[in-house]
């Protein structure tokens, strides 16, 4: 039987999205695409942030700062050929989630150029994260700094036509917060520093070979200015820089702007969020150096701030 050559558009798209070199030796996966919508709106600079369920994606140590239960989901379509989506559920100190990148009805061709059966591509990851602040442990004495430690384990499953593989990787995280301060009339609050060490060990194994996951170290800082402007930035020591800002003119509305750089070029991000009594709708748009831009939508629920009676009153204002 003649060897079947498969043009897997989704795999090429994924490689283009993350711009990772050394693809033959290092696994390119859904884990290499910055997830979420809220954080993407500020350029993907989420290492120092601890805001809702998206905290699981960027810094597991921040899970210790979450007040209660949060749920988040998002969806994006790439070129109408592949879908990228996620579900995450977080609690105080821990969280779990799934990232899904899938494409179907991919045309396959044999060595003569004749079409074969349609193929599918999927790249999915399960995440389990944990974060703890030493001050929450009764037998540890008070420390002069306020910090949290975290860890995350990730399981990756890949199906590329008739070939499949799977594997694990492990991350460590650190987050430190600082006291609020004032510079003249301007207040600075929610100041934090975050550090993550990703893919310390692990890889993806196939029947005939294995691929490692690229290790990376990411450092980020964030703060609020005058309680209405969030500034946040990340530096990926592998070569990427992320920066963003969010402006909240009223408690229920957030406007976001950001940028990120990577080996393939620079992307600009825009976003906004609307919080209706704990039900949060978010939108983000991200440009790409070579491909077309992508829209992302998410629905999140902050159960710690959920007000069902207030939500009903808000609905009645819009319903006839």
C-alpha atoms as a PDB file:
ATOM      1  CA  UNK A   1       0.000   0.000   0.000  1.00  0.00           C
ATOM      2  CA  UNK A   2       1.269   3.408  -0.917  1.00  0.00           C
ATOM      3  CA  UNK A   3       2.236   5.667   1.900  1.00  0.00           C
ATOM      4  CA  UNK A   4      -0.435   8.214   2.796  1.00  0.00           C
ATOM      5  CA  UNK A   5       0.705  11.817   2.984  1.00  0.00           C
ATOM      6  CA  UNK A   6      -1.520  13.998   5.115  1.00  0.00           C
ATOM      7  CA  UNK A   7      -1.795  17.751   4.879  1.00  0.00           C
ATOM      8  CA  UNK A   8      -2.785  18.505   8.449  1.00  0.00           C
ATOM      9  CA  UNK A   9      -3.843  22.140   8.423  1.00  0.00           C
ATOM     10  CA  UNK A  10      -4.503  22.261  12.137  1.00  0.00           C
ATOM     11  CA  UNK A  11      -0.990  21.166  13.038  1.00  0.00           C
ATOM     12  CA  UNK A  12       0.512  23.836  10.793  1.00  0.00           C
ATOM     13  CA  UNK A  13      -1.876  26.417  12.190  1.00  0.00           C
ATOM     14  CA  UNK A  14      -0.900  25.521  15.739  1.00  0.00           C
ATOM     15  CA  UNK A  15       2.788  25.835  14.878  1.00  0.00           C
ATOM     16  CA  UNK A  16       2.137  29.214  13.279  1.00  0.00           C
ATOM     17  CA  UNK A  17       0.184  30.438  16.283  1.00  0.00           C
ATOM     18  CA  UNK A  18       2.957  29.744  18.751  1.00  0.00           C
ATOM     19  CA  UNK A  19       5.989  30.352  16.495  1.00  0.00           C
ATOM     20  CA  UNK A  20       8.102  27.708  18.191  1.00  0.00           C
ATOM     21  CA  UNK A  21      11.430  26.739  16.722  1.00  0.00           C
ATOM     22  CA  UNK A  22      12.837  23.229  16.754  1.00  0.00           C
ATOM     23  CA  UNK A  23       9.484  21.582  16.104  1.00  0.00           C
ATOM     24  CA  UNK A  24      11.137  18.246  15.265  1.00  0.00           C
ATOM     25  CA  UNK A  25      12.546  17.924  18.795  1.00  0.00           C
ATOM     26  CA  UNK A  26      10.160  19.957  20.924  1.00  0.00           C
ATOM     27  CA  UNK A  27       6.441  19.275  21.180  1.00  0.00           C
ATOM     28  CA  UNK A  28       4.173  22.054  19.891  1.00  0.00           C
ATOM     29  CA  UNK A  29       0.913  21.875  21.780  1.00  0.00           C
ATOM     30  CA  UNK A  30      -2.196  23.718  22.887  1.00  0.00           C
ATOM     31  CA  UNK A  31      -0.233  24.626  26.025  1.00  0.00           C
ATOM     32  CA  UNK A  32       1.904  27.011  23.952  1.00  0.00           C
ATOM     33  CA  UNK A  33      -1.049  29.270  23.085  1.00  0.00           C
ATOM     34  CA  UNK A  34      -1.867  31.885  25.720  1.00  0.00           C
ATOM     35  CA  UNK A  35      -5.329  30.860  26.979  1.00  0.00           C
ATOM     36  CA  UNK A  36      -8.294  32.776  28.323  1.00  0.00           C
ATOM     37  CA  UNK A  37      -9.983  36.011  27.335  1.00  0.00           C
ATOM     38  CA  UNK A  38      -9.599  38.431  30.237  1.00  0.00           C
ATOM     39  CA  UNK A  39      -5.816  38.027  30.353  1.00  0.00           C
ATOM     40  CA  UNK A  40      -5.477  37.978  26.564  1.00  0.00           C
ATOM     41  CA  UNK A  41      -7.167  41.384  26.539  1.00  0.00           C
ATOM     42  CA  UNK A  42      -4.146  42.741  28.444  1.00  0.00           C
ATOM     43  CA  UNK A  43      -1.601  41.082  26.180  1.00  0.00           C
ATOM     44  CA  UNK A  44      -1.475  37.744  27.969  1.00  0.00           C
ATOM     45  CA  UNK A  45       0.389  39.306  30.895  1.00  0.00           C
ATOM     46  CA  UNK A  46      -1.142  37.228  33.673  1.00  0.00           C
ATOM     47  CA  UNK A  47       1.784  35.885  35.726  1.00  0.00           C
ATOM     48  CA  UNK A  48       1.283  38.377  38.569  1.00  0.00           C
ATOM     49  CA  UNK A  49      -2.536  38.448  38.438  1.00  0.00           C
ATOM     50  CA  UNK A  50      -4.981  36.530  40.622  1.00  0.00           C
ATOM     51  CA  UNK A  51      -8.380  37.225  39.091  1.00  0.00           C
ATOM     52  CA  UNK A  52     -10.934  34.458  38.699  1.00  0.00           C
ATOM     53  CA  UNK A  53     -10.600  31.059  37.107  1.00  0.00           C
ATOM     54  CA  UNK A  54      -8.079  32.202  34.487  1.00  0.00           C
ATOM     55  CA  UNK A  55      -5.542  32.336  37.328  1.00  0.00           C
ATOM     56  CA  UNK A  56      -5.116  28.575  36.828  1.00  0.00           C
ATOM     57  CA  UNK A  57      -3.671  29.135  33.345  1.00  0.00           C
ATOM     58  CA  UNK A  58      -0.987  31.647  34.307  1.00  0.00           C
ATOM     59  CA  UNK A  59       0.157  31.216  37.908  1.00  0.00           C
ATOM     60  CA  UNK A  60      -1.019  28.403  40.177  1.00  0.00           C
ATOM     61  CA  UNK A  61       0.327  30.247  43.240  1.00  0.00           C
ATOM     62  CA  UNK A  62      -2.375  32.879  42.679  1.00  0.00           C
ATOM     63  CA  UNK A  63      -5.062  30.304  43.443  1.00  0.00           C
ATOM     64  CA  UNK A  64      -4.442  30.933  47.140  1.00  0.00           C
ATOM     65  CA  UNK A  65      -5.671  34.528  46.670  1.00  0.00           C
ATOM     66  CA  UNK A  66      -9.043  33.577  45.167  1.00  0.00           C
ATOM     67  CA  UNK A  67     -11.905  34.194  47.624  1.00  0.00           C
ATOM     68  CA  UNK A  68     -14.104  31.295  46.521  1.00  0.00           C
ATOM     69  CA  UNK A  69     -15.443  29.323  43.581  1.00  0.00           C
ATOM     70  CA  UNK A  70     -15.029  30.636  40.025  1.00  0.00           C
ATOM     71  CA  UNK A  71     -15.956  29.126  36.672  1.00  0.00           C
ATOM     72  CA  UNK A  72     -14.691  30.210  33.277  1.00  0.00           C
ATOM     73  CA  UNK A  73     -15.207  29.081  29.685  1.00  0.00           C
ATOM     74  CA  UNK A  74     -14.094  30.510  26.362  1.00  0.00           C
ATOM     75  CA  UNK A  75     -14.211  29.762  22.653  1.00  0.00           C
ATOM     76  CA  UNK A  76     -12.271  30.905  19.583  1.00  0.00           C
ATOM     77  CA  UNK A  77     -12.296  29.851  15.920  1.00  0.00           C
ATOM     78  CA  UNK A  78      -9.129  29.983  13.813  1.00  0.00           C
ATOM     79  CA  UNK A  79      -9.625  30.594  10.085  1.00  0.00           C
ATOM     80  CA  UNK A  80     -12.853  28.625  10.260  1.00  0.00           C
ATOM     81  CA  UNK A  81     -10.765  25.436  10.319  1.00  0.00           C
ATOM     82  CA  UNK A  82      -9.999  24.816  13.969  1.00  0.00           C
ATOM     83  CA  UNK A  83     -11.562  25.590  17.330  1.00  0.00           C
ATOM     84  CA  UNK A  84      -9.808  26.535  20.562  1.00  0.00           C
ATOM     85  CA  UNK A  85     -11.817  26.375  23.769  1.00  0.00           C
ATOM     86  CA  UNK A  86     -11.495  25.850  27.491  1.00  0.00           C
ATOM     87  CA  UNK A  87     -13.310  25.122  30.733  1.00  0.00           C
ATOM     88  CA  UNK A  88     -11.899  25.928  34.178  1.00  0.00           C
ATOM     89  CA  UNK A  89     -13.220  25.601  37.713  1.00  0.00           C
ATOM     90  CA  UNK A  90     -11.253  27.061  40.602  1.00  0.00           C
ATOM     91  CA  UNK A  91     -11.617  27.129  44.363  1.00  0.00           C
ATOM     92  CA  UNK A  92      -9.624  28.769  47.124  1.00  0.00           C
ATOM     93  CA  UNK A  93      -6.197  27.086  46.833  1.00  0.00           C
ATOM     94  CA  UNK A  94      -6.838  24.774  43.868  1.00  0.00           C
ATOM     95  CA  UNK A  95      -8.351  24.465  40.419  1.00  0.00           C
ATOM     96  CA  UNK A  96      -8.793  22.207  37.425  1.00  0.00           C
ATOM     97  CA  UNK A  97      -9.329  22.883  33.739  1.00  0.00           C
ATOM     98  CA  UNK A  98      -9.179  21.595  30.188  1.00  0.00           C
ATOM     99  CA  UNK A  99      -7.814  23.223  27.033  1.00  0.00           C
ATOM    100  CA  UNK A 100      -9.050  21.923  23.664  1.00  0.00           C
ATOM    101  CA  UNK A 101      -7.709  22.574  20.167  1.00  0.00           C
ATOM    102  CA  UNK A 102      -9.538  20.555  17.509  1.00  0.00           C
ATOM    103  CA  UNK A 103     -10.046  20.361  13.761  1.00  0.00           C
ATOM    104  CA  UNK A 104     -12.004  17.877  11.654  1.00  0.00           C
ATOM    105  CA  UNK A 105     -12.709  17.102   7.991  1.00  0.00           C
ATOM    106  CA  UNK A 106      -9.075  17.620   7.057  1.00  0.00           C
ATOM    107  CA  UNK A 107      -8.348  16.456   3.523  1.00  0.00           C
ATOM    108  CA  UNK A 108      -5.834  13.604   3.195  1.00  0.00           C
ATOM    109  CA  UNK A 109      -3.915  12.718   0.020  1.00  0.00           C
ATOM    110  CA  UNK A 110      -1.812   9.748  -1.064  1.00  0.00           C
ATOM    111  CA  UNK A 111       1.505   9.912  -2.913  1.00  0.00           C
ATOM    112  CA  UNK A 112      -0.310  10.282  -6.263  1.00  0.00           C
ATOM    113  CA  UNK A 113      -2.269  13.282  -5.041  1.00  0.00           C
ATOM    114  CA  UNK A 114      -5.548  11.402  -4.885  1.00  0.00           C
ATOM    115  CA  UNK A 115      -7.858  12.214  -1.956  1.00  0.00           C
ATOM    116  CA  UNK A 116      -8.222   9.762   0.906  1.00  0.00           C
ATOM    117  CA  UNK A 117     -10.578   9.659   3.850  1.00  0.00           C
ATOM    118  CA  UNK A 118     -11.030  12.855   5.836  1.00  0.00           C
ATOM    119  CA  UNK A 119      -8.822  13.084   8.892  1.00  0.00           C
ATOM    120  CA  UNK A 120      -8.990  14.836  12.248  1.00  0.00           C
ATOM    121  CA  UNK A 121      -6.540  16.602  14.532  1.00  0.00           C
ATOM    122  CA  UNK A 122      -6.904  17.224  18.255  1.00  0.00           C
ATOM    123  CA  UNK A 123      -4.597  18.560  20.935  1.00  0.00           C
ATOM    124  CA  UNK A 124      -6.126  18.625  24.415  1.00  0.00           C
ATOM    125  CA  UNK A 125      -4.683  19.279  27.862  1.00  0.00           C
ATOM    126  CA  UNK A 126      -5.964  18.619  31.380  1.00  0.00           C
ATOM    127  CA  UNK A 127      -4.661  20.909  34.119  1.00  0.00           C
ATOM    128  CA  UNK A 128      -4.644  20.501  37.890  1.00  0.00           C
ATOM    129  CA  UNK A 129      -3.199  23.324  39.959  1.00  0.00           C
ATOM    130  CA  UNK A 130      -2.645  24.053  43.636  1.00  0.00           C
ATOM    131  CA  UNK A 131      -1.542  27.202  45.496  1.00  0.00           C
ATOM    132  CA  UNK A 132      -0.884  27.875  49.163  1.00  0.00           C
ATOM    133  CA  UNK A 133       0.028  30.918  51.219  1.00  0.00           C
ATOM    134  CA  UNK A 134       2.150  30.046  54.300  1.00  0.00           C
ATOM    135  CA  UNK A 135       0.031  32.372  56.472  1.00  0.00           C
ATOM    136  CA  UNK A 136      -2.899  29.972  55.927  1.00  0.00           C
ATOM    137  CA  UNK A 137      -0.930  27.141  57.583  1.00  0.00           C
ATOM    138  CA  UNK A 138      -1.511  27.314  61.374  1.00  0.00           C
ATOM    139  CA  UNK A 139       1.881  26.012  62.544  1.00  0.00           C
ATOM    140  CA  UNK A 140       3.975  28.402  60.406  1.00  0.00           C
ATOM    141  CA  UNK A 141       4.880  31.650  62.204  1.00  0.00           C
ATOM    142  CA  UNK A 142       4.172  35.057  60.671  1.00  0.00           C
ATOM    143  CA  UNK A 143       6.634  35.954  57.918  1.00  0.00           C
ATOM    144  CA  UNK A 144       7.854  39.446  56.974  1.00  0.00           C
ATOM    145  CA  UNK A 145       6.690  39.046  53.352  1.00  0.00           C
ATOM    146  CA  UNK A 146       3.358  37.949  51.882  1.00  0.00           C
ATOM    147  CA  UNK A 147       3.862  35.251  49.262  1.00  0.00           C
ATOM    148  CA  UNK A 148       2.309  32.094  47.848  1.00  0.00           C
ATOM    149  CA  UNK A 149       3.708  28.954  46.257  1.00  0.00           C
ATOM    150  CA  UNK A 150       2.010  26.836  43.640  1.00  0.00           C
ATOM    151  CA  UNK A 151       2.367  23.804  41.399  1.00  0.00           C
ATOM    152  CA  UNK A 152       0.553  22.522  38.345  1.00  0.00           C
ATOM    153  CA  UNK A 153       0.502  19.174  36.571  1.00  0.00           C
ATOM    154  CA  UNK A 154      -0.616  18.939  32.948  1.00  0.00           C
ATOM    155  CA  UNK A 155      -1.695  15.918  30.911  1.00  0.00           C
ATOM    156  CA  UNK A 156      -1.521  16.322  27.127  1.00  0.00           C
ATOM    157  CA  UNK A 157      -3.276  14.149  24.551  1.00  0.00           C
ATOM    158  CA  UNK A 158      -2.536  14.490  20.814  1.00  0.00           C
ATOM    159  CA  UNK A 159      -4.258  12.854  17.831  1.00  0.00           C
ATOM    160  CA  UNK A 160      -2.855  13.608  14.383  1.00  0.00           C
ATOM    161  CA  UNK A 161      -4.730  11.594  11.782  1.00  0.00           C
ATOM    162  CA  UNK A 162      -4.025   7.975  12.685  1.00  0.00           C
ATOM    163  CA  UNK A 163      -1.116   8.836  14.995  1.00  0.00           C
ATOM    164  CA  UNK A 164      -1.690   9.542  18.690  1.00  0.00           C
ATOM    165  CA  UNK A 165       0.440  10.340  21.698  1.00  0.00           C
ATOM    166  CA  UNK A 166       0.212  11.578  25.272  1.00  0.00           C
ATOM    167  CA  UNK A 167       2.347  12.809  28.134  1.00  0.00           C
ATOM    168  CA  UNK A 168       2.731  14.866  31.300  1.00  0.00           C
ATOM    169  CA  UNK A 169       4.574  17.992  32.348  1.00  0.00           C
ATOM    170  CA  UNK A 170       5.028  19.826  35.657  1.00  0.00           C
ATOM    171  CA  UNK A 171       5.198  23.534  36.621  1.00  0.00           C
ATOM    172  CA  UNK A 172       6.156  25.494  39.743  1.00  0.00           C
ATOM    173  CA  UNK A 173       4.918  28.997  40.617  1.00  0.00           C
ATOM    174  CA  UNK A 174       5.573  31.864  43.033  1.00  0.00           C
ATOM    175  CA  UNK A 175       3.603  35.045  43.730  1.00  0.00           C
ATOM    176  CA  UNK A 176       4.384  37.868  46.169  1.00  0.00           C
ATOM    177  CA  UNK A 177       2.201  40.848  47.053  1.00  0.00           C
ATOM    178  CA  UNK A 178       3.162  44.252  48.400  1.00  0.00           C
ATOM    179  CA  UNK A 179       1.490  46.806  50.619  1.00  0.00           C
ATOM    180  CA  UNK A 180      -0.539  49.596  49.064  1.00  0.00           C
ATOM    181  CA  UNK A 181       1.207  52.944  48.819  1.00  0.00           C
ATOM    182  CA  UNK A 182       0.744  56.483  47.566  1.00  0.00           C
ATOM    183  CA  UNK A 183       2.915  58.685  45.392  1.00  0.00           C
ATOM    184  CA  UNK A 184       1.556  62.129  46.061  1.00  0.00           C
ATOM    185  CA  UNK A 185      -2.169  62.062  45.243  1.00  0.00           C
ATOM    186  CA  UNK A 186      -1.907  58.792  43.279  1.00  0.00           C
ATOM    187  CA  UNK A 187      -2.641  55.514  45.020  1.00  0.00           C
ATOM    188  CA  UNK A 188      -0.940  52.250  44.033  1.00  0.00           C
ATOM    189  CA  UNK A 189      -2.659  49.021  45.074  1.00  0.00           C
ATOM    190  CA  UNK A 190      -2.809  45.293  44.323  1.00  0.00           C
ATOM    191  CA  UNK A 191       0.914  45.297  43.599  1.00  0.00           C
ATOM    192  CA  UNK A 192       2.262  41.813  42.918  1.00  0.00           C
ATOM    193  CA  UNK A 193       5.220  39.942  41.470  1.00  0.00           C
ATOM    194  CA  UNK A 194       4.865  36.503  39.898  1.00  0.00           C
ATOM    195  CA  UNK A 195       7.312  33.869  38.658  1.00  0.00           C
ATOM    196  CA  UNK A 196       6.520  30.586  36.906  1.00  0.00           C
ATOM    197  CA  UNK A 197       8.825  27.766  35.840  1.00  0.00           C
ATOM    198  CA  UNK A 198       6.990  25.760  33.194  1.00  0.00           C
ATOM    199  CA  UNK A 199       7.629  22.241  31.903  1.00  0.00           C
ATOM    200  CA  UNK A 200      10.372  21.467  34.404  1.00  0.00           C
ATOM    201  CA  UNK A 201      10.126  17.882  33.231  1.00  0.00           C
ATOM    202  CA  UNK A 202       7.866  15.830  31.011  1.00  0.00           C
ATOM    203  CA  UNK A 203       7.138  15.248  27.345  1.00  0.00           C
ATOM    204  CA  UNK A 204       4.851  13.621  24.789  1.00  0.00           C
ATOM    205  CA  UNK A 205       5.377   9.989  23.791  1.00  0.00           C
ATOM    206  CA  UNK A 206       4.272   8.429  20.513  1.00  0.00           C
ATOM    207  CA  UNK A 207       4.651   4.821  19.349  1.00  0.00           C
ATOM    208  CA  UNK A 208       7.848   5.488  17.424  1.00  0.00           C
ATOM    209  CA  UNK A 209       9.379   8.501  19.180  1.00  0.00           C
ATOM    210  CA  UNK A 210       9.076  11.061  21.955  1.00  0.00           C
ATOM    211  CA  UNK A 211       9.106  14.843  22.100  1.00  0.00           C
ATOM    212  CA  UNK A 212      10.103  17.025  25.033  1.00  0.00           C
ATOM    213  CA  UNK A 213       8.175  20.094  26.156  1.00  0.00           C
ATOM    214  CA  UNK A 214      10.173  23.299  26.035  1.00  0.00           C
ATOM    215  CA  UNK A 215      11.103  24.604  29.479  1.00  0.00           C
ATOM    216  CA  UNK A 216      10.404  28.286  30.135  1.00  0.00           C
ATOM    217  CA  UNK A 217      10.727  30.832  32.915  1.00  0.00           C
ATOM    218  CA  UNK A 218       8.260  33.717  33.080  1.00  0.00           C
ATOM    219  CA  UNK A 219       8.401  36.776  35.353  1.00  0.00           C
ATOM    220  CA  UNK A 220       5.556  39.269  35.748  1.00  0.00           C
ATOM    221  CA  UNK A 221       4.491  42.325  37.690  1.00  0.00           C
ATOM    222  CA  UNK A 222       1.147  44.065  38.141  1.00  0.00           C
ATOM    223  CA  UNK A 223      -0.420  46.972  40.005  1.00  0.00           C
ATOM    224  CA  UNK A 224      -3.518  49.167  40.087  1.00  0.00           C
ATOM    225  CA  UNK A 225      -3.235  52.924  39.709  1.00  0.00           C
ATOM    226  CA  UNK A 226      -5.891  55.109  41.370  1.00  0.00           C
ATOM    227  CA  UNK A 227      -8.054  51.954  41.782  1.00  0.00           C
ATOM    228  CA  UNK A 228      -9.297  52.162  38.171  1.00  0.00           C
ATOM    229  CA  UNK A 229      -6.275  51.386  35.932  1.00  0.00           C
ATOM    230  CA  UNK A 230      -4.521  48.015  35.971  1.00  0.00           C
ATOM    231  CA  UNK A 231      -0.993  47.805  34.582  1.00  0.00           C
ATOM    232  CA  UNK A 232       0.541  44.368  34.043  1.00  0.00           C
ATOM    233  CA  UNK A 233       3.555  42.961  32.211  1.00  0.00           C
ATOM    234  CA  UNK A 234       5.315  39.629  31.703  1.00  0.00           C
ATOM    235  CA  UNK A 235       8.788  38.743  30.490  1.00  0.00           C
ATOM    236  CA  UNK A 236       9.276  35.254  29.079  1.00  0.00           C
ATOM    237  CA  UNK A 237      12.991  34.467  29.218  1.00  0.00           C
ATOM    238  CA  UNK A 238      12.551  32.321  26.092  1.00  0.00           C
ATOM    239  CA  UNK A 239      12.051  35.545  24.144  1.00  0.00           C
ATOM    240  CA  UNK A 240       8.555  36.968  24.630  1.00  0.00           C
ATOM    241  CA  UNK A 241       7.295  40.168  26.252  1.00  0.00           C
ATOM    242  CA  UNK A 242       3.707  40.916  27.271  1.00  0.00           C
ATOM    243  CA  UNK A 243       2.217  44.202  28.415  1.00  0.00           C
ATOM    244  CA  UNK A 244      -1.312  45.399  28.990  1.00  0.00           C
ATOM    245  CA  UNK A 245      -3.623  47.747  30.787  1.00  0.00           C
ATOM    246  CA  UNK A 246      -7.246  47.642  31.877  1.00  0.00           C
ATOM    247  CA  UNK A 247      -9.468  50.621  32.624  1.00  0.00           C
ATOM    248  CA  UNK A 248     -12.585  50.263  34.744  1.00  0.00           C
ATOM    249  CA  UNK A 249     -14.623  53.500  34.621  1.00  0.00           C
ATOM    250  CA  UNK A 250     -17.460  51.808  36.521  1.00  0.00           C
ATOM    251  CA  UNK A 251     -17.541  48.674  38.637  1.00  0.00           C
ATOM    252  CA  UNK A 252     -19.345  46.580  36.013  1.00  0.00           C
ATOM    253  CA  UNK A 253     -17.264  47.498  32.930  1.00  0.00           C
ATOM    254  CA  UNK A 254     -13.613  46.856  32.028  1.00  0.00           C
ATOM    255  CA  UNK A 255     -11.816  48.005  28.857  1.00  0.00           C
ATOM    256  CA  UNK A 256      -8.542  46.292  27.959  1.00  0.00           C
ATOM    257  CA  UNK A 257      -5.562  46.936  25.689  1.00  0.00           C
ATOM    258  CA  UNK A 258      -2.334  44.985  25.324  1.00  0.00           C
ATOM    259  CA  UNK A 259       0.551  43.822  23.184  1.00  0.00           C
ATOM    260  CA  UNK A 260       2.781  40.783  23.078  1.00  0.00           C
ATOM    261  CA  UNK A 261       5.940  39.886  21.216  1.00  0.00           C
ATOM    262  CA  UNK A 262       7.197  36.488  20.136  1.00  0.00           C
ATOM    263  CA  UNK A 263       9.798  35.177  17.653  1.00  0.00           C
ATOM    264  CA  UNK A 264       7.334  35.631  14.755  1.00  0.00           C
ATOM    265  CA  UNK A 265       6.538  39.280  15.474  1.00  0.00           C
ATOM    266  CA  UNK A 266       4.201  41.422  17.580  1.00  0.00           C
ATOM    267  CA  UNK A 267       0.477  41.136  18.239  1.00  0.00           C
ATOM    268  CA  UNK A 268      -1.981  43.735  19.549  1.00  0.00           C
ATOM    269  CA  UNK A 269      -4.887  42.758  21.775  1.00  0.00           C
ATOM    270  CA  UNK A 270      -8.141  44.501  22.603  1.00  0.00           C
ATOM    271  CA  UNK A 271     -10.872  43.454  24.998  1.00  0.00           C
ATOM    272  CA  UNK A 272     -13.735  44.357  27.241  1.00  0.00           C
ATOM    273  CA  UNK A 273     -15.669  42.750  30.078  1.00  0.00           C
ATOM    274  CA  UNK A 274     -19.113  43.190  31.587  1.00  0.00           C
ATOM    275  CA  UNK A 275     -19.923  41.974  35.099  1.00  0.00           C
ATOM    276  CA  UNK A 276     -23.637  41.541  35.798  1.00  0.00           C
ATOM    277  CA  UNK A 277     -24.053  40.508  39.425  1.00  0.00           C
ATOM    278  CA  UNK A 278     -21.293  37.883  39.238  1.00  0.00           C
ATOM    279  CA  UNK A 279     -22.053  36.731  35.673  1.00  0.00           C
ATOM    280  CA  UNK A 280     -19.123  37.956  33.578  1.00  0.00           C
ATOM    281  CA  UNK A 281     -19.066  38.295  29.787  1.00  0.00           C
ATOM    282  CA  UNK A 282     -15.691  38.961  28.171  1.00  0.00           C
ATOM    283  CA  UNK A 283     -14.507  39.590  24.633  1.00  0.00           C
ATOM    284  CA  UNK A 284     -10.982  39.835  23.222  1.00  0.00           C
ATOM    285  CA  UNK A 285      -9.443  40.338  19.806  1.00  0.00           C
ATOM    286  CA  UNK A 286      -5.836  39.404  19.073  1.00  0.00           C
ATOM    287  CA  UNK A 287      -3.924  40.166  15.888  1.00  0.00           C
ATOM    288  CA  UNK A 288      -1.301  37.820  14.448  1.00  0.00           C
ATOM    289  CA  UNK A 289       1.906  38.719  12.549  1.00  0.00           C
ATOM    290  CA  UNK A 290       1.013  36.527   9.555  1.00  0.00           C
ATOM    291  CA  UNK A 291      -2.446  34.984  10.051  1.00  0.00           C
ATOM    292  CA  UNK A 292      -5.748  36.795  10.374  1.00  0.00           C
ATOM    293  CA  UNK A 293      -6.854  38.108  13.765  1.00  0.00           C
ATOM    294  CA  UNK A 294      -8.901  36.023  16.182  1.00  0.00           C
ATOM    295  CA  UNK A 295     -11.974  36.823  18.248  1.00  0.00           C
ATOM    296  CA  UNK A 296     -12.473  35.190  21.651  1.00  0.00           C
ATOM    297  CA  UNK A 297     -15.603  35.070  23.796  1.00  0.00           C
ATOM    298  CA  UNK A 298     -15.987  33.862  27.349  1.00  0.00           C
ATOM    299  CA  UNK A 299     -18.588  33.364  30.030  1.00  0.00           C
ATOM    300  CA  UNK A 300     -17.443  33.303  33.633  1.00  0.00           C
ATOM    301  CA  UNK A 301     -19.227  33.045  36.951  1.00  0.00           C
ATOM    302  CA  UNK A 302     -17.796  34.406  40.179  1.00  0.00           C
ATOM    303  CA  UNK A 303     -19.760  32.494  42.782  1.00  0.00           C
ATOM    304  CA  UNK A 304     -18.211  34.497  45.625  1.00  0.00           C
ATOM    305  CA  UNK A 305     -19.829  37.653  44.226  1.00  0.00           C
ATOM    306  CA  UNK A 306     -22.969  36.081  42.817  1.00  0.00           C
ATOM    307  CA  UNK A 307     -26.179  37.959  43.540  1.00  0.00           C
ATOM    308  CA  UNK A 308     -29.106  36.098  41.992  1.00  0.00           C
ATOM    309  CA  UNK A 309     -31.711  38.593  43.176  1.00  0.00           C
ATOM    310  CA  UNK A 310     -29.671  41.459  41.742  1.00  0.00           C
ATOM    311  CA  UNK A 311     -29.236  39.545  38.492  1.00  0.00           C
ATOM    312  CA  UNK A 312     -33.014  39.093  38.226  1.00  0.00           C
ATOM    313  CA  UNK A 313     -33.551  42.806  38.743  1.00  0.00           C
ATOM    314  CA  UNK A 314     -30.996  43.580  36.046  1.00  0.00           C
ATOM    315  CA  UNK A 315     -32.724  41.255  33.585  1.00  0.00           C
ATOM    316  CA  UNK A 316     -36.091  42.867  34.207  1.00  0.00           C
ATOM    317  CA  UNK A 317     -34.667  46.185  33.088  1.00  0.00           C
ATOM    318  CA  UNK A 318     -34.011  44.722  29.608  1.00  0.00           C
ATOM    319  CA  UNK A 319     -36.960  42.363  29.228  1.00  0.00           C
ATOM    320  CA  UNK A 320     -40.376  43.671  28.102  1.00  0.00           C
END
